[in-house]
Amino acid sequence: MTKRKTTRDAMEIIKRRFSIDPETDPEMLKIAEDYRIAQMIYDARTAAGMTQAQLAKAIGTTQSVISQLENADYEGHSLSMLRRIAEALHMQVKVEFVPLTKHAG
C-alpha cells in the first residue's frame, strides 16, 4: 500500500476526502464562483493599494459592505455594485455566459 503525498491544495483535498471533482460538480462550481468573485474584489482592491475603508468611501458605502463582498460565503453580489467597485478601481466588469461542463459519471 502506497502512502499518498500530503497536500494543501483545497481542490485535491475535496477530491480525496469527499470523492467529488470540484471542477465538474455543479454545487462545487457554484461555491468556486462565489469564491472567485470575492477573491477578484480583494485582489483588485489590494493591487490598487486601497483599504476596505478607502474603497467603501470611494463608492459611497461602508467598510463592512466591502468586507462582506470579499467573503466567499456572501451571495449578494449585484452587477451594479460590481460596476461601482470596478469604476473606483479604474477597471471594468466583464460578464460572460459559457456552456455548462457535463458531469462525468
N, C-alpha and C. Protein backbone atom coordinates (compact mmCIF):
# COMPACT_ATOMS: atom_id res chain seq x y z
N MET A 1 0.84 -1.19 0.00
CA MET A 1 0.00 0.00 0.00
C MET A 1 0.88 1.24 0.00
N THR A 2 0.70 2.11 -0.98
CA THR A 2 1.48 3.33 -1.07
C THR A 2 0.77 4.46 -0.36
N LYS A 3 1.56 5.23 0.33
CA LYS A 3 1.01 6.38 1.05
C LYS A 3 0.94 7.57 0.09
N ARG A 4 -0.22 8.25 0.10
CA ARG A 4 -0.37 9.44 -0.75
C ARG A 4 0.40 10.60 -0.16
N LYS A 5 0.91 11.45 -1.05
CA LYS A 5 1.58 12.67 -0.61
C LYS A 5 0.58 13.58 0.06
N THR A 6 1.00 14.26 1.10
CA THR A 6 0.11 15.24 1.72
C THR A 6 0.03 16.46 0.81
N THR A 7 -1.07 17.17 0.92
CA THR A 7 -1.28 18.34 0.07
C THR A 7 -2.00 19.43 0.84
N ARG A 8 -1.81 20.66 0.41
CA ARG A 8 -2.56 21.78 0.95
C ARG A 8 -3.53 22.33 -0.09
N ASP A 9 -3.54 21.72 -1.27
CA ASP A 9 -4.41 22.12 -2.36
C ASP A 9 -5.86 21.77 -1.99
N ALA A 10 -6.68 22.79 -1.83
CA ALA A 10 -8.06 22.60 -1.39
C ALA A 10 -8.84 21.70 -2.34
N MET A 11 -8.64 21.86 -3.63
CA MET A 11 -9.37 21.06 -4.61
C MET A 11 -8.97 19.59 -4.50
N GLU A 12 -7.70 19.33 -4.31
CA GLU A 12 -7.23 17.95 -4.16
C GLU A 12 -7.76 17.33 -2.87
N ILE A 13 -7.82 18.10 -1.80
CA ILE A 13 -8.35 17.60 -0.53
C ILE A 13 -9.82 17.23 -0.69
N ILE A 14 -10.59 18.06 -1.38
CA ILE A 14 -12.01 17.78 -1.61
C ILE A 14 -12.16 16.49 -2.42
N LYS A 15 -11.35 16.35 -3.46
CA LYS A 15 -11.40 15.13 -4.28
C LYS A 15 -11.14 13.89 -3.42
N ARG A 16 -10.12 13.95 -2.59
CA ARG A 16 -9.73 12.80 -1.78
C ARG A 16 -10.75 12.51 -0.67
N ARG A 17 -11.14 13.55 0.03
CA ARG A 17 -11.99 13.36 1.21
C ARG A 17 -13.43 13.03 0.86
N PHE A 18 -13.97 13.68 -0.17
CA PHE A 18 -15.40 13.55 -0.46
C PHE A 18 -15.69 12.85 -1.79
N SER A 19 -14.66 12.45 -2.49
CA SER A 19 -14.83 11.81 -3.80
C SER A 19 -15.67 12.66 -4.74
N ILE A 20 -15.42 13.96 -4.70
CA ILE A 20 -16.12 14.93 -5.55
C ILE A 20 -15.06 15.63 -6.40
N ASP A 21 -15.34 15.76 -7.68
CA ASP A 21 -14.44 16.54 -8.52
C ASP A 21 -14.93 17.98 -8.55
N PRO A 22 -14.24 18.88 -7.84
CA PRO A 22 -14.70 20.27 -7.76
C PRO A 22 -14.75 20.98 -9.11
N GLU A 23 -14.08 20.41 -10.11
CA GLU A 23 -14.07 21.05 -11.43
C GLU A 23 -15.27 20.67 -12.28
N THR A 24 -16.07 19.68 -11.84
CA THR A 24 -17.24 19.28 -12.62
C THR A 24 -18.52 19.21 -11.79
N ASP A 25 -18.42 19.13 -10.47
CA ASP A 25 -19.60 19.03 -9.62
C ASP A 25 -20.34 20.37 -9.60
N PRO A 26 -21.64 20.38 -9.94
CA PRO A 26 -22.39 21.64 -10.02
C PRO A 26 -22.38 22.48 -8.74
N GLU A 27 -22.54 21.84 -7.60
CA GLU A 27 -22.53 22.58 -6.33
C GLU A 27 -21.16 23.18 -6.05
N MET A 28 -20.13 22.41 -6.33
CA MET A 28 -18.78 22.91 -6.10
C MET A 28 -18.45 24.05 -7.06
N LEU A 29 -18.96 23.97 -8.29
CA LEU A 29 -18.73 25.05 -9.25
C LEU A 29 -19.36 26.35 -8.77
N LYS A 30 -20.54 26.27 -8.16
CA LYS A 30 -21.19 27.48 -7.63
C LYS A 30 -20.38 28.08 -6.49
N ILE A 31 -19.92 27.23 -5.58
CA ILE A 31 -19.11 27.70 -4.46
C ILE A 31 -17.82 28.33 -4.99
N ALA A 32 -17.22 27.69 -5.97
CA ALA A 32 -15.99 28.20 -6.55
C ALA A 32 -16.20 29.57 -7.19
N GLU A 33 -17.35 29.76 -7.82
CA GLU A 33 -17.65 31.05 -8.46
C GLU A 33 -17.81 32.15 -7.41
N ASP A 34 -18.49 31.84 -6.31
CA ASP A 34 -18.62 32.81 -5.22
C ASP A 34 -17.25 33.20 -4.69
N TYR A 35 -16.40 32.19 -4.50
CA TYR A 35 -15.05 32.45 -4.01
C TYR A 35 -14.26 33.28 -5.02
N ARG A 36 -14.40 32.95 -6.30
CA ARG A 36 -13.66 33.66 -7.34
C ARG A 36 -14.02 35.15 -7.37
N ILE A 37 -15.30 35.45 -7.24
CA ILE A 37 -15.73 36.85 -7.25
C ILE A 37 -15.18 37.58 -6.03
N ALA A 38 -15.29 36.96 -4.87
CA ALA A 38 -14.76 37.58 -3.65
C ALA A 38 -13.26 37.82 -3.78
N GLN A 39 -12.55 36.84 -4.32
CA GLN A 39 -11.10 36.95 -4.48
C GLN A 39 -10.74 38.03 -5.49
N MET A 40 -11.51 38.15 -6.56
CA MET A 40 -11.25 39.19 -7.57
C MET A 40 -11.39 40.59 -6.96
N ILE A 41 -12.42 40.78 -6.13
CA ILE A 41 -12.61 42.08 -5.49
C ILE A 41 -11.43 42.39 -4.59
N TYR A 42 -11.06 41.41 -3.76
CA TYR A 42 -9.93 41.59 -2.86
C TYR A 42 -8.64 41.89 -3.63
N ASP A 43 -8.36 41.08 -4.65
CA ASP A 43 -7.13 41.26 -5.43
C ASP A 43 -7.07 42.62 -6.10
N ALA A 44 -8.18 43.05 -6.70
CA ALA A 44 -8.20 44.35 -7.38
C ALA A 44 -8.02 45.49 -6.38
N ARG A 45 -8.68 45.38 -5.24
CA ARG A 45 -8.57 46.43 -4.21
C ARG A 45 -7.14 46.53 -3.69
N THR A 46 -6.54 45.39 -3.35
CA THR A 46 -5.19 45.43 -2.80
C THR A 46 -4.16 45.84 -3.85
N ALA A 47 -4.38 45.44 -5.12
CA ALA A 47 -3.47 45.87 -6.19
C ALA A 47 -3.51 47.38 -6.37
N ALA A 48 -4.68 47.96 -6.10
CA ALA A 48 -4.83 49.42 -6.19
C ALA A 48 -4.29 50.12 -4.94
N GLY A 49 -3.86 49.33 -3.96
CA GLY A 49 -3.30 49.90 -2.74
C GLY A 49 -4.34 50.53 -1.83
N MET A 50 -5.58 50.05 -1.92
CA MET A 50 -6.66 50.62 -1.12
C MET A 50 -7.04 49.69 0.03
N THR A 51 -7.45 50.28 1.13
CA THR A 51 -8.03 49.51 2.23
C THR A 51 -9.51 49.33 1.94
N GLN A 52 -10.15 48.46 2.70
CA GLN A 52 -11.59 48.29 2.56
C GLN A 52 -12.30 49.61 2.82
N ALA A 53 -11.84 50.35 3.83
CA ALA A 53 -12.47 51.63 4.17
C ALA A 53 -12.32 52.64 3.03
N GLN A 54 -11.16 52.67 2.39
CA GLN A 54 -10.94 53.61 1.29
C GLN A 54 -11.82 53.27 0.09
N LEU A 55 -11.92 51.99 -0.23
CA LEU A 55 -12.79 51.59 -1.33
C LEU A 55 -14.23 51.90 -1.01
N ALA A 56 -14.63 51.62 0.22
CA ALA A 56 -16.01 51.91 0.64
C ALA A 56 -16.33 53.39 0.46
N LYS A 57 -15.42 54.24 0.89
CA LYS A 57 -15.63 55.70 0.76
C LYS A 57 -15.73 56.09 -0.71
N ALA A 58 -14.90 55.48 -1.55
CA ALA A 58 -14.88 55.82 -2.98
C ALA A 58 -16.19 55.45 -3.68
N ILE A 59 -16.89 54.43 -3.18
CA ILE A 59 -18.13 54.03 -3.84
C ILE A 59 -19.37 54.38 -3.02
N GLY A 60 -19.19 55.06 -1.90
CA GLY A 60 -20.32 55.52 -1.11
C GLY A 60 -21.01 54.44 -0.29
N THR A 61 -20.20 53.56 0.32
CA THR A 61 -20.77 52.53 1.19
C THR A 61 -19.90 52.43 2.43
N THR A 62 -20.07 51.35 3.18
CA THR A 62 -19.30 51.18 4.41
C THR A 62 -18.25 50.08 4.25
N GLN A 63 -17.28 50.11 5.14
CA GLN A 63 -16.22 49.10 5.14
C GLN A 63 -16.81 47.71 5.34
N SER A 64 -17.87 47.60 6.15
CA SER A 64 -18.46 46.27 6.40
C SER A 64 -19.08 45.68 5.13
N VAL A 65 -19.60 46.54 4.25
CA VAL A 65 -20.14 46.05 2.97
C VAL A 65 -19.01 45.49 2.11
N ILE A 66 -17.88 46.18 2.06
CA ILE A 66 -16.73 45.69 1.29
C ILE A 66 -16.24 44.37 1.88
N SER A 67 -16.21 44.29 3.19
CA SER A 67 -15.81 43.05 3.85
C SER A 67 -16.73 41.90 3.46
N GLN A 68 -18.03 42.14 3.43
CA GLN A 68 -18.98 41.11 3.02
C GLN A 68 -18.74 40.68 1.57
N LEU A 69 -18.51 41.66 0.70
CA LEU A 69 -18.28 41.36 -0.72
C LEU A 69 -17.02 40.53 -0.93
N GLU A 70 -16.05 40.68 -0.04
CA GLU A 70 -14.80 39.93 -0.15
C GLU A 70 -14.87 38.58 0.57
N ASN A 71 -16.03 38.25 1.11
CA ASN A 71 -16.24 36.98 1.79
C ASN A 71 -16.82 35.98 0.80
N ALA A 72 -16.18 34.82 0.67
CA ALA A 72 -16.63 33.81 -0.29
C ALA A 72 -18.01 33.26 0.01
N ASP A 73 -18.48 33.42 1.24
CA ASP A 73 -19.81 32.92 1.61
C ASP A 73 -20.92 33.90 1.23
N TYR A 74 -20.55 35.11 0.84
CA TYR A 74 -21.55 36.13 0.51
C TYR A 74 -22.13 35.85 -0.87
N GLU A 75 -23.45 35.87 -0.98
CA GLU A 75 -24.10 35.56 -2.26
C GLU A 75 -24.88 36.75 -2.82
N GLY A 76 -24.69 37.92 -2.29
CA GLY A 76 -25.49 39.06 -2.72
C GLY A 76 -24.80 40.01 -3.67
N HIS A 77 -23.86 39.51 -4.45
CA HIS A 77 -23.17 40.39 -5.40
C HIS A 77 -24.17 40.87 -6.46
N SER A 78 -24.20 42.16 -6.65
CA SER A 78 -25.05 42.70 -7.71
C SER A 78 -24.15 43.30 -8.79
N LEU A 79 -24.62 43.27 -9.99
CA LEU A 79 -23.85 43.81 -11.10
C LEU A 79 -23.60 45.30 -10.90
N SER A 80 -24.58 46.02 -10.39
CA SER A 80 -24.39 47.47 -10.18
C SER A 80 -23.30 47.72 -9.13
N MET A 81 -23.25 46.92 -8.08
CA MET A 81 -22.21 47.11 -7.06
C MET A 81 -20.85 46.74 -7.63
N LEU A 82 -20.78 45.68 -8.41
CA LEU A 82 -19.51 45.31 -9.02
C LEU A 82 -19.03 46.39 -9.98
N ARG A 83 -19.96 47.03 -10.69
CA ARG A 83 -19.58 48.13 -11.60
C ARG A 83 -19.05 49.32 -10.80
N ARG A 84 -19.67 49.64 -9.68
CA ARG A 84 -19.20 50.75 -8.84
C ARG A 84 -17.78 50.48 -8.34
N ILE A 85 -17.54 49.24 -7.91
CA ILE A 85 -16.21 48.86 -7.43
C ILE A 85 -15.20 48.97 -8.57
N ALA A 86 -15.55 48.42 -9.72
CA ALA A 86 -14.65 48.46 -10.88
C ALA A 86 -14.31 49.90 -11.26
N GLU A 87 -15.31 50.75 -11.28
CA GLU A 87 -15.07 52.15 -11.64
C GLU A 87 -14.12 52.82 -10.65
N ALA A 88 -14.32 52.57 -9.36
CA ALA A 88 -13.45 53.16 -8.33
C ALA A 88 -12.02 52.65 -8.46
N LEU A 89 -11.85 51.45 -9.00
CA LEU A 89 -10.52 50.86 -9.15
C LEU A 89 -9.97 51.04 -10.57
N HIS A 90 -10.67 51.87 -11.37
CA HIS A 90 -10.27 52.14 -12.75
C HIS A 90 -10.21 50.85 -13.57
N MET A 91 -11.27 50.07 -13.43
CA MET A 91 -11.39 48.80 -14.13
C MET A 91 -12.79 48.70 -14.72
N GLN A 92 -13.07 47.60 -15.39
CA GLN A 92 -14.42 47.34 -15.88
C GLN A 92 -14.82 45.91 -15.53
N VAL A 93 -16.10 45.67 -15.45
CA VAL A 93 -16.63 44.34 -15.18
C VAL A 93 -16.87 43.66 -16.52
N LYS A 94 -16.51 42.38 -16.59
CA LYS A 94 -16.75 41.59 -17.78
C LYS A 94 -17.56 40.37 -17.34
N VAL A 95 -18.72 40.19 -17.96
CA VAL A 95 -19.58 39.05 -17.65
C VAL A 95 -19.71 38.22 -18.92
N GLU A 96 -19.63 36.91 -18.78
CA GLU A 96 -19.81 36.06 -19.95
C GLU A 96 -20.65 34.85 -19.61
N PHE A 97 -21.36 34.36 -20.60
CA PHE A 97 -22.10 33.13 -20.48
C PHE A 97 -21.27 32.05 -21.17
N VAL A 98 -21.04 30.95 -20.47
CA VAL A 98 -20.26 29.85 -21.02
C VAL A 98 -21.05 28.56 -20.88
N PRO A 99 -20.81 27.61 -21.77
CA PRO A 99 -21.55 26.34 -21.67
C PRO A 99 -21.24 25.62 -20.38
N LEU A 100 -22.23 24.92 -19.86
CA LEU A 100 -22.02 24.10 -18.67
C LEU A 100 -21.12 22.92 -19.03
N THR A 101 -20.31 22.52 -18.07
CA THR A 101 -19.48 21.34 -18.25
C THR A 101 -20.33 20.14 -17.85
N LYS A 102 -20.34 19.13 -18.67
CA LYS A 102 -21.11 17.92 -18.34
C LYS A 102 -20.42 17.18 -17.23
N HIS A 103 -21.21 16.73 -16.25
CA HIS A 103 -20.68 15.98 -15.12
C HIS A 103 -20.36 14.56 -15.57
N ALA A 104 -19.12 14.18 -15.37
CA ALA A 104 -18.72 12.82 -15.75
C ALA A 104 -19.29 11.83 -14.74
N GLY A 105 -19.84 10.77 -15.19
CA GLY A 105 -20.35 9.82 -14.24
C GLY A 105 -21.39 8.99 -14.77
